Amino acid sequence: MKIAIMGAMVEEITPLLERVGEYREIAYGGNRYYEAKYGSLDLIIAYSKIGKVFSALTATTMIEKFGAQKLLFSGVAGAINPALKIGDLIVATKLCQHDLDITAFGHPYGFVPEGKVFVESDRALLSIAKEVADELSTTLYEGVIATGDQFIADEERKEWIADTFGADALEMEGASVAVVCDALGVPFLVLRAISDAADMDAGFDFDTFLESSAKESADFIMKMLDKLNG
């Protein structure tokens, strides 16, 4: 089985590359991809660069060029649910694009014709994530992750996204990856570790806690790979 593992930034995949050890680097489409073996699994690992366009391009490449059959996204997110604190893990039950707006044509926020507001994660992968959390005695939050091409620090905007989409966390890639996987019939899961909490300064916390939060997410993804290996 070939598994794609994505992050948005190099910090989000570095812990994964360290864990797999040996890998082969391939340059394609202005990006770098890393092929590795992990037990019986063939892995393709990459960071997309930040934002919806780059993440959609990278996810499509991993599926269409490298033949990924499942996709796991590992990275960090900002909390808008006050229950989430720095270092907490959240898995997306569904994802939306908070900055997609054609309401002028009578459509709801996050919707385009022939599309949908929310894309749901693969239930089998969600089940594996829950098993891993139980075995590690780790709290794994489930919730809605909202994606947009802005780093949101404004509290009013955060509240609007929470109210409009029922969102629990914010980031800049997950929903675009979800759209690609949904369209191409590839099961996917988006896992995020919280790098900045709702009641703290977003810019400072992101820089301070990026590395440790990214490692939390990557370690959990590796445990999921152990399950998929079995």
C-alpha atoms as a PDB file:
ATOM      1  CA  MET A   1       0.000   0.000   0.000  1.00  0.00           C
ATOM      2  CA  LYS A   2       1.256   3.472  -0.831  1.00  0.00           C
ATOM      3  CA  ILE A   3       0.544   6.162   1.749  1.00  0.00           C
ATOM      4  CA  ALA A   4       1.012   9.884   1.201  1.00  0.00           C
ATOM      5  CA  ILE A   5       1.965  11.985   4.209  1.00  0.00           C
ATOM      6  CA  MET A   6       1.737  15.733   3.789  1.00  0.00           C
ATOM      7  CA  GLY A   7       2.596  18.803   5.763  1.00  0.00           C
ATOM      8  CA  ALA A   8       2.544  22.435   4.734  1.00  0.00           C
ATOM      9  CA  MET A   9       5.953  23.443   6.091  1.00  0.00           C
ATOM     10  CA  VAL A  10       9.313  21.730   6.333  1.00  0.00           C
ATOM     11  CA  GLU A  11       8.978  21.725  10.132  1.00  0.00           C
ATOM     12  CA  GLU A  12       5.868  19.555   9.787  1.00  0.00           C
ATOM     13  CA  ILE A  13       7.557  16.737   7.868  1.00  0.00           C
ATOM     14  CA  THR A  14      11.061  16.842   9.378  1.00  0.00           C
ATOM     15  CA  PRO A  15      10.042  14.609  12.330  1.00  0.00           C
ATOM     16  CA  LEU A  16       8.567  12.112   9.851  1.00  0.00           C
ATOM     17  CA  LEU A  17      11.725  11.958   7.740  1.00  0.00           C
ATOM     18  CA  GLU A  18      13.804  11.501  10.883  1.00  0.00           C
ATOM     19  CA  ARG A  19      11.626   8.566  11.917  1.00  0.00           C
ATOM     20  CA  VAL A  20      11.689   6.727   8.562  1.00  0.00           C
ATOM     21  CA  GLY A  21      15.472   7.141   8.271  1.00  0.00           C
ATOM     22  CA  GLU A  22      16.398   6.330   4.702  1.00  0.00           C
ATOM     23  CA  TYR A  23      14.544   7.991   1.840  1.00  0.00           C
ATOM     24  CA  ARG A  24      14.952   9.046  -1.768  1.00  0.00           C
ATOM     25  CA  GLU A  25      14.361  12.658  -2.808  1.00  0.00           C
ATOM     26  CA  ILE A  26      12.576  13.391  -6.074  1.00  0.00           C
ATOM     27  CA  ALA A  27      12.155  16.883  -7.533  1.00  0.00           C
ATOM     28  CA  TYR A  28       8.934  17.459  -9.442  1.00  0.00           C
ATOM     29  CA  GLY A  29       6.710  20.424 -10.257  1.00  0.00           C
ATOM     30  CA  GLY A  30       8.727  22.910  -8.244  1.00  0.00           C
ATOM     31  CA  ASN A  31       8.620  20.745  -5.133  1.00  0.00           C
ATOM     32  CA  ARG A  32      10.490  17.899  -3.439  1.00  0.00           C
ATOM     33  CA  TYR A  33       9.018  14.514  -2.648  1.00  0.00           C
ATOM     34  CA  TYR A  34      10.525  11.819  -0.449  1.00  0.00           C
ATOM     35  CA  GLU A  35       9.986   8.109  -1.060  1.00  0.00           C
ATOM     36  CA  ALA A  36      10.592   5.719   1.823  1.00  0.00           C
ATOM     37  CA  LYS A  37       9.734   2.253   3.076  1.00  0.00           C
ATOM     38  CA  TYR A  38       8.110   1.747   6.443  1.00  0.00           C
ATOM     39  CA  GLY A  39       7.502  -1.918   7.123  1.00  0.00           C
ATOM     40  CA  SER A  40       5.188  -3.150   4.401  1.00  0.00           C
ATOM     41  CA  LEU A  41       4.171   0.387   3.436  1.00  0.00           C
ATOM     42  CA  ASP A  42       5.508   2.531   0.643  1.00  0.00           C
ATOM     43  CA  LEU A  43       5.515   6.171   1.716  1.00  0.00           C
ATOM     44  CA  ILE A  44       5.577   9.387  -0.260  1.00  0.00           C
ATOM     45  CA  ILE A  45       6.215  12.386   1.986  1.00  0.00           C
ATOM     46  CA  ALA A  46       6.177  16.075   1.105  1.00  0.00           C
ATOM     47  CA  TYR A  47       5.549  19.549   2.419  1.00  0.00           C
ATOM     48  CA  SER A  48       3.450  21.567   0.038  1.00  0.00           C
ATOM     49  CA  LYS A  49       4.298  25.127   1.058  1.00  0.00           C
ATOM     50  CA  ILE A  50       1.625  27.234   2.712  1.00  0.00           C
ATOM     51  CA  GLY A  51      -1.842  27.789   1.259  1.00  0.00           C
ATOM     52  CA  LYS A  52      -4.662  26.132  -0.629  1.00  0.00           C
ATOM     53  CA  VAL A  53      -3.174  26.260  -4.135  1.00  0.00           C
ATOM     54  CA  PHE A  54       0.144  24.663  -3.203  1.00  0.00           C
ATOM     55  CA  SER A  55      -1.493  22.039  -1.004  1.00  0.00           C
ATOM     56  CA  ALA A  56      -3.975  21.071  -3.725  1.00  0.00           C
ATOM     57  CA  LEU A  57      -1.126  20.802  -6.245  1.00  0.00           C
ATOM     58  CA  THR A  58       0.931  18.638  -3.902  1.00  0.00           C
ATOM     59  CA  ALA A  59      -1.949  16.341  -2.978  1.00  0.00           C
ATOM     60  CA  THR A  60      -2.849  15.858  -6.637  1.00  0.00           C
ATOM     61  CA  THR A  61       0.776  15.083  -7.520  1.00  0.00           C
ATOM     62  CA  MET A  62       1.080  12.538  -4.720  1.00  0.00           C
ATOM     63  CA  ILE A  63      -2.017  10.745  -5.969  1.00  0.00           C
ATOM     64  CA  GLU A  64      -1.688  11.063  -9.743  1.00  0.00           C
ATOM     65  CA  LYS A  65       2.101  10.826 -10.206  1.00  0.00           C
ATOM     66  CA  PHE A  66       3.187   8.790  -7.197  1.00  0.00           C
ATOM     67  CA  GLY A  67       0.104   6.569  -6.877  1.00  0.00           C
ATOM     68  CA  ALA A  68      -0.854   7.298  -3.263  1.00  0.00           C
ATOM     69  CA  GLN A  69      -3.838   5.192  -2.154  1.00  0.00           C
ATOM     70  CA  LYS A  70      -4.431   6.985   1.147  1.00  0.00           C
ATOM     71  CA  LEU A  71      -3.376  10.425   2.357  1.00  0.00           C
ATOM     72  CA  LEU A  72      -2.554  11.575   5.870  1.00  0.00           C
ATOM     73  CA  PHE A  73      -1.974  15.251   6.626  1.00  0.00           C
ATOM     74  CA  SER A  74       0.170  16.121   9.647  1.00  0.00           C
ATOM     75  CA  GLY A  75       0.674  19.635  10.927  1.00  0.00           C
ATOM     76  CA  VAL A  76      -0.349  22.445  13.215  1.00  0.00           C
ATOM     77  CA  ALA A  77      -3.420  24.644  13.544  1.00  0.00           C
ATOM     78  CA  GLY A  78      -4.759  27.531  15.559  1.00  0.00           C
ATOM     79  CA  ALA A  79      -7.600  26.888  17.983  1.00  0.00           C
ATOM     80  CA  ILE A  80     -10.876  28.765  17.896  1.00  0.00           C
ATOM     81  CA  ASN A  81     -12.654  26.357  20.233  1.00  0.00           C
ATOM     82  CA  PRO A  82     -11.660  27.549  23.726  1.00  0.00           C
ATOM     83  CA  ALA A  83     -11.482  23.939  24.912  1.00  0.00           C
ATOM     84  CA  LEU A  84      -8.393  23.389  22.736  1.00  0.00           C
ATOM     85  CA  LYS A  85      -5.010  24.214  24.241  1.00  0.00           C
ATOM     86  CA  ILE A  86      -1.469  24.258  22.880  1.00  0.00           C
ATOM     87  CA  GLY A  87      -0.260  20.729  22.131  1.00  0.00           C
ATOM     88  CA  ASP A  88      -3.768  19.234  21.908  1.00  0.00           C
ATOM     89  CA  LEU A  89      -4.463  16.999  18.923  1.00  0.00           C
ATOM     90  CA  ILE A  90      -7.543  17.436  16.769  1.00  0.00           C
ATOM     91  CA  VAL A  91      -8.643  15.263  13.890  1.00  0.00           C
ATOM     92  CA  ALA A  92     -11.002  16.717  11.320  1.00  0.00           C
ATOM     93  CA  THR A  93     -14.362  15.020  11.016  1.00  0.00           C
ATOM     94  CA  LYS A  94     -15.044  17.431   8.161  1.00  0.00           C
ATOM     95  CA  LEU A  95     -13.403  20.465   6.598  1.00  0.00           C
ATOM     96  CA  CYS A  96     -14.555  23.687   4.961  1.00  0.00           C
ATOM     97  CA  GLN A  97     -13.125  26.751   3.199  1.00  0.00           C
ATOM     98  CA  HIS A  98     -13.947  29.776   5.337  1.00  0.00           C
ATOM     99  CA  ASP A  99     -12.717  32.275   2.738  1.00  0.00           C
ATOM    100  CA  LEU A 100     -14.819  30.948  -0.151  1.00  0.00           C
ATOM    101  CA  ASP A 101     -17.569  33.506  -0.671  1.00  0.00           C
ATOM    102  CA  ILE A 102     -20.064  33.733  -3.519  1.00  0.00           C
ATOM    103  CA  THR A 103     -22.932  34.695  -1.257  1.00  0.00           C
ATOM    104  CA  ALA A 104     -23.685  37.523  -3.715  1.00  0.00           C
ATOM    105  CA  PHE A 105     -25.184  34.808  -5.948  1.00  0.00           C
ATOM    106  CA  GLY A 106     -27.380  33.393  -3.202  1.00  0.00           C
ATOM    107  CA  HIS A 107     -25.097  30.554  -2.074  1.00  0.00           C
ATOM    108  CA  PRO A 108     -23.977  29.885   1.509  1.00  0.00           C
ATOM    109  CA  TYR A 109     -20.447  30.690   2.642  1.00  0.00           C
ATOM    110  CA  GLY A 110     -17.975  27.994   1.644  1.00  0.00           C
ATOM    111  CA  PHE A 111     -20.058  26.692  -1.270  1.00  0.00           C
ATOM    112  CA  VAL A 112     -19.677  26.716  -5.037  1.00  0.00           C
ATOM    113  CA  PRO A 113     -22.093  25.091  -7.530  1.00  0.00           C
ATOM    114  CA  GLU A 114     -21.365  21.366  -7.958  1.00  0.00           C
ATOM    115  CA  GLY A 115     -19.348  21.524  -4.746  1.00  0.00           C
ATOM    116  CA  LYS A 116     -20.237  21.341  -1.074  1.00  0.00           C
ATOM    117  CA  VAL A 117     -19.555  23.342   2.047  1.00  0.00           C
ATOM    118  CA  PHE A 118     -18.042  20.433   3.998  1.00  0.00           C
ATOM    119  CA  VAL A 119     -15.898  17.486   2.926  1.00  0.00           C
ATOM    120  CA  GLU A 120     -15.957  14.578   5.367  1.00  0.00           C
ATOM    121  CA  SER A 121     -12.890  12.603   6.424  1.00  0.00           C
ATOM    122  CA  ASP A 122     -12.581   8.873   5.820  1.00  0.00           C
ATOM    123  CA  ARG A 123     -14.349   6.965   8.580  1.00  0.00           C
ATOM    124  CA  ALA A 124     -11.933   4.026   8.570  1.00  0.00           C
ATOM    125  CA  LEU A 125      -8.944   6.327   9.079  1.00  0.00           C
ATOM    126  CA  LEU A 126     -10.847   8.187  11.793  1.00  0.00           C
ATOM    127  CA  SER A 127     -11.421   4.857  13.524  1.00  0.00           C
ATOM    128  CA  ILE A 128      -7.703   4.046  13.379  1.00  0.00           C
ATOM    129  CA  ALA A 129      -6.892   7.454  14.847  1.00  0.00           C
ATOM    130  CA  LYS A 130      -9.260   6.801  17.739  1.00  0.00           C
ATOM    131  CA  GLU A 131      -7.652   3.395  18.364  1.00  0.00           C
ATOM    132  CA  VAL A 132      -4.206   4.999  18.492  1.00  0.00           C
ATOM    133  CA  ALA A 133      -5.418   7.671  20.902  1.00  0.00           C
ATOM    134  CA  ASP A 134      -6.931   5.015  23.181  1.00  0.00           C
ATOM    135  CA  GLU A 135      -3.740   2.964  23.184  1.00  0.00           C
ATOM    136  CA  LEU A 136      -1.634   6.035  23.979  1.00  0.00           C
ATOM    137  CA  SER A 137      -4.135   7.297  26.557  1.00  0.00           C
ATOM    138  CA  THR A 138      -4.079  10.550  24.608  1.00  0.00           C
ATOM    139  CA  THR A 139      -7.040  12.867  24.244  1.00  0.00           C
ATOM    140  CA  LEU A 140      -7.898  13.227  20.572  1.00  0.00           C
ATOM    141  CA  TYR A 141     -10.407  15.927  19.805  1.00  0.00           C
ATOM    142  CA  GLU A 142     -12.721  15.552  16.843  1.00  0.00           C
ATOM    143  CA  GLY A 143     -14.145  18.574  15.115  1.00  0.00           C
ATOM    144  CA  VAL A 144     -14.514  20.868  12.155  1.00  0.00           C
ATOM    145  CA  ILE A 145     -11.362  22.370  10.682  1.00  0.00           C
ATOM    146  CA  ALA A 146     -11.709  25.529   8.617  1.00  0.00           C
ATOM    147  CA  THR A 147      -9.204  26.404   5.900  1.00  0.00           C
ATOM    148  CA  GLY A 148      -8.412  29.718   4.265  1.00  0.00           C
ATOM    149  CA  ASP A 149      -5.624  31.619   2.569  1.00  0.00           C
ATOM    150  CA  GLN A 150      -5.086  33.937   5.499  1.00  0.00           C
ATOM    151  CA  PHE A 151      -3.384  33.562   8.851  1.00  0.00           C
ATOM    152  CA  ILE A 152      -6.246  34.680  11.079  1.00  0.00           C
ATOM    153  CA  ALA A 153      -5.287  36.711  14.134  1.00  0.00           C
ATOM    154  CA  ASP A 154      -8.365  38.944  14.317  1.00  0.00           C
ATOM    155  CA  GLU A 155     -10.678  37.816  17.116  1.00  0.00           C
ATOM    156  CA  GLU A 156     -13.854  39.010  15.399  1.00  0.00           C
ATOM    157  CA  ARG A 157     -12.992  37.004  12.279  1.00  0.00           C
ATOM    158  CA  LYS A 158     -12.287  33.926  14.391  1.00  0.00           C
ATOM    159  CA  GLU A 159     -15.673  34.265  16.061  1.00  0.00           C
ATOM    160  CA  TRP A 160     -17.376  34.648  12.685  1.00  0.00           C
ATOM    161  CA  ILE A 161     -15.741  31.464  11.372  1.00  0.00           C
ATOM    162  CA  ALA A 162     -16.706  29.565  14.518  1.00  0.00           C
ATOM    163  CA  ASP A 163     -20.306  30.758  14.306  1.00  0.00           C
ATOM    164  CA  THR A 164     -20.692  30.305  10.534  1.00  0.00           C
ATOM    165  CA  PHE A 165     -19.109  26.871  10.152  1.00  0.00           C
ATOM    166  CA  GLY A 166     -19.121  25.437  13.678  1.00  0.00           C
ATOM    167  CA  ALA A 167     -15.347  25.308  13.331  1.00  0.00           C
ATOM    168  CA  ASP A 168     -12.983  24.272  16.096  1.00  0.00           C
ATOM    169  CA  ALA A 169      -9.605  25.027  14.503  1.00  0.00           C
ATOM    170  CA  LEU A 170      -8.099  27.082  11.691  1.00  0.00           C
ATOM    171  CA  GLU A 171      -5.344  26.377   9.186  1.00  0.00           C
ATOM    172  CA  MET A 172      -4.447  27.025   5.540  1.00  0.00           C
ATOM    173  CA  GLU A 173      -4.359  23.680   3.676  1.00  0.00           C
ATOM    174  CA  GLY A 174      -6.659  20.940   4.948  1.00  0.00           C
ATOM    175  CA  ALA A 175      -9.879  21.648   3.067  1.00  0.00           C
ATOM    176  CA  SER A 176      -8.146  21.998  -0.299  1.00  0.00           C
ATOM    177  CA  VAL A 177      -6.460  18.634   0.251  1.00  0.00           C
ATOM    178  CA  ALA A 178      -9.836  17.209   1.249  1.00  0.00           C
ATOM    179  CA  VAL A 179     -11.443  18.487  -1.974  1.00  0.00           C
ATOM    180  CA  VAL A 180      -8.727  16.823  -4.070  1.00  0.00           C
ATOM    181  CA  CYS A 181      -8.963  13.503  -2.227  1.00  0.00           C
ATOM    182  CA  ASP A 182     -12.758  13.527  -2.358  1.00  0.00           C
ATOM    183  CA  ALA A 183     -12.753  14.194  -6.090  1.00  0.00           C
ATOM    184  CA  LEU A 184     -10.185  11.463  -6.810  1.00  0.00           C
ATOM    185  CA  GLY A 185     -11.664   8.881  -4.442  1.00  0.00           C
ATOM    186  CA  VAL A 186      -8.674   8.691  -2.079  1.00  0.00           C
ATOM    187  CA  PRO A 187      -9.349   8.181   1.651  1.00  0.00           C
ATOM    188  CA  PHE A 188      -7.780  10.968   3.721  1.00  0.00           C
ATOM    189  CA  LEU A 189      -7.319  12.199   7.265  1.00  0.00           C
ATOM    190  CA  VAL A 190      -6.224  15.630   8.505  1.00  0.00           C
ATOM    191  CA  LEU A 191      -4.565  15.675  11.933  1.00  0.00           C
ATOM    192  CA  ARG A 192      -3.476  18.913  13.559  1.00  0.00           C
ATOM    193  CA  ALA A 193      -1.675  19.764  16.775  1.00  0.00           C
ATOM    194  CA  ILE A 194      -2.661  23.081  18.287  1.00  0.00           C
ATOM    195  CA  SER A 195       0.161  25.624  18.050  1.00  0.00           C
ATOM    196  CA  ASP A 196      -1.759  28.686  19.233  1.00  0.00           C
ATOM    197  CA  ALA A 197      -4.767  28.745  21.510  1.00  0.00           C
ATOM    198  CA  ALA A 198      -7.823  30.937  21.240  1.00  0.00           C
ATOM    199  CA  ASP A 199      -6.911  33.013  24.271  1.00  0.00           C
ATOM    200  CA  MET A 200      -3.291  33.734  23.349  1.00  0.00           C
ATOM    201  CA  ASP A 201      -1.356  35.894  20.898  1.00  0.00           C
ATOM    202  CA  ALA A 202      -1.424  34.066  17.546  1.00  0.00           C
ATOM    203  CA  GLY A 203       1.823  35.290  16.004  1.00  0.00           C
ATOM    204  CA  PHE A 204       3.970  34.743  19.103  1.00  0.00           C
ATOM    205  CA  ASP A 205       2.591  31.332  19.908  1.00  0.00           C
ATOM    206  CA  PHE A 206       2.859  30.083  16.348  1.00  0.00           C
ATOM    207  CA  ASP A 207       6.580  30.807  16.222  1.00  0.00           C
ATOM    208  CA  THR A 208       7.194  29.522  19.721  1.00  0.00           C
ATOM    209  CA  PHE A 209       5.252  26.270  19.586  1.00  0.00           C
ATOM    210  CA  LEU A 210       5.428  25.296  15.894  1.00  0.00           C
ATOM    211  CA  GLU A 211       8.234  22.767  16.268  1.00  0.00           C
ATOM    212  CA  SER A 212       6.913  20.975  19.342  1.00  0.00           C
ATOM    213  CA  SER A 213       3.322  20.888  18.072  1.00  0.00           C
ATOM    214  CA  ALA A 214       4.429  19.581  14.672  1.00  0.00           C
ATOM    215  CA  LYS A 215       6.306  16.779  16.427  1.00  0.00           C
ATOM    216  CA  GLU A 216       3.177  15.866  18.421  1.00  0.00           C
ATOM    217  CA  SER A 217       1.211  15.482  15.199  1.00  0.00           C
ATOM    218  CA  ALA A 218       3.985  13.578  13.411  1.00  0.00           C
ATOM    219  CA  ASP A 219       4.433  11.114  16.281  1.00  0.00           C
ATOM    220  CA  PHE A 220       0.718  10.352  16.180  1.00  0.00           C
ATOM    221  CA  ILE A 221       0.831   9.832  12.401  1.00  0.00           C
ATOM    222  CA  MET A 222       3.676   7.328  12.833  1.00  0.00           C
ATOM    223  CA  LYS A 223       1.525   5.354  15.272  1.00  0.00           C
ATOM    224  CA  MET A 224      -1.235   5.309  12.651  1.00  0.00           C
ATOM    225  CA  LEU A 225       1.257   3.922  10.130  1.00  0.00           C
ATOM    226  CA  ASP A 226       2.058   1.139  12.578  1.00  0.00           C
ATOM    227  CA  LYS A 227      -1.641   0.235  12.546  1.00  0.00           C
ATOM    228  CA  LEU A 228      -1.800   0.345   8.759  1.00  0.00           C
ATOM    229  CA  ASN A 229       1.281  -1.868   8.640  1.00  0.00           C
ATOM    230  CA  GLY A 230      -0.466  -4.499  10.721  1.00  0.00           C
END
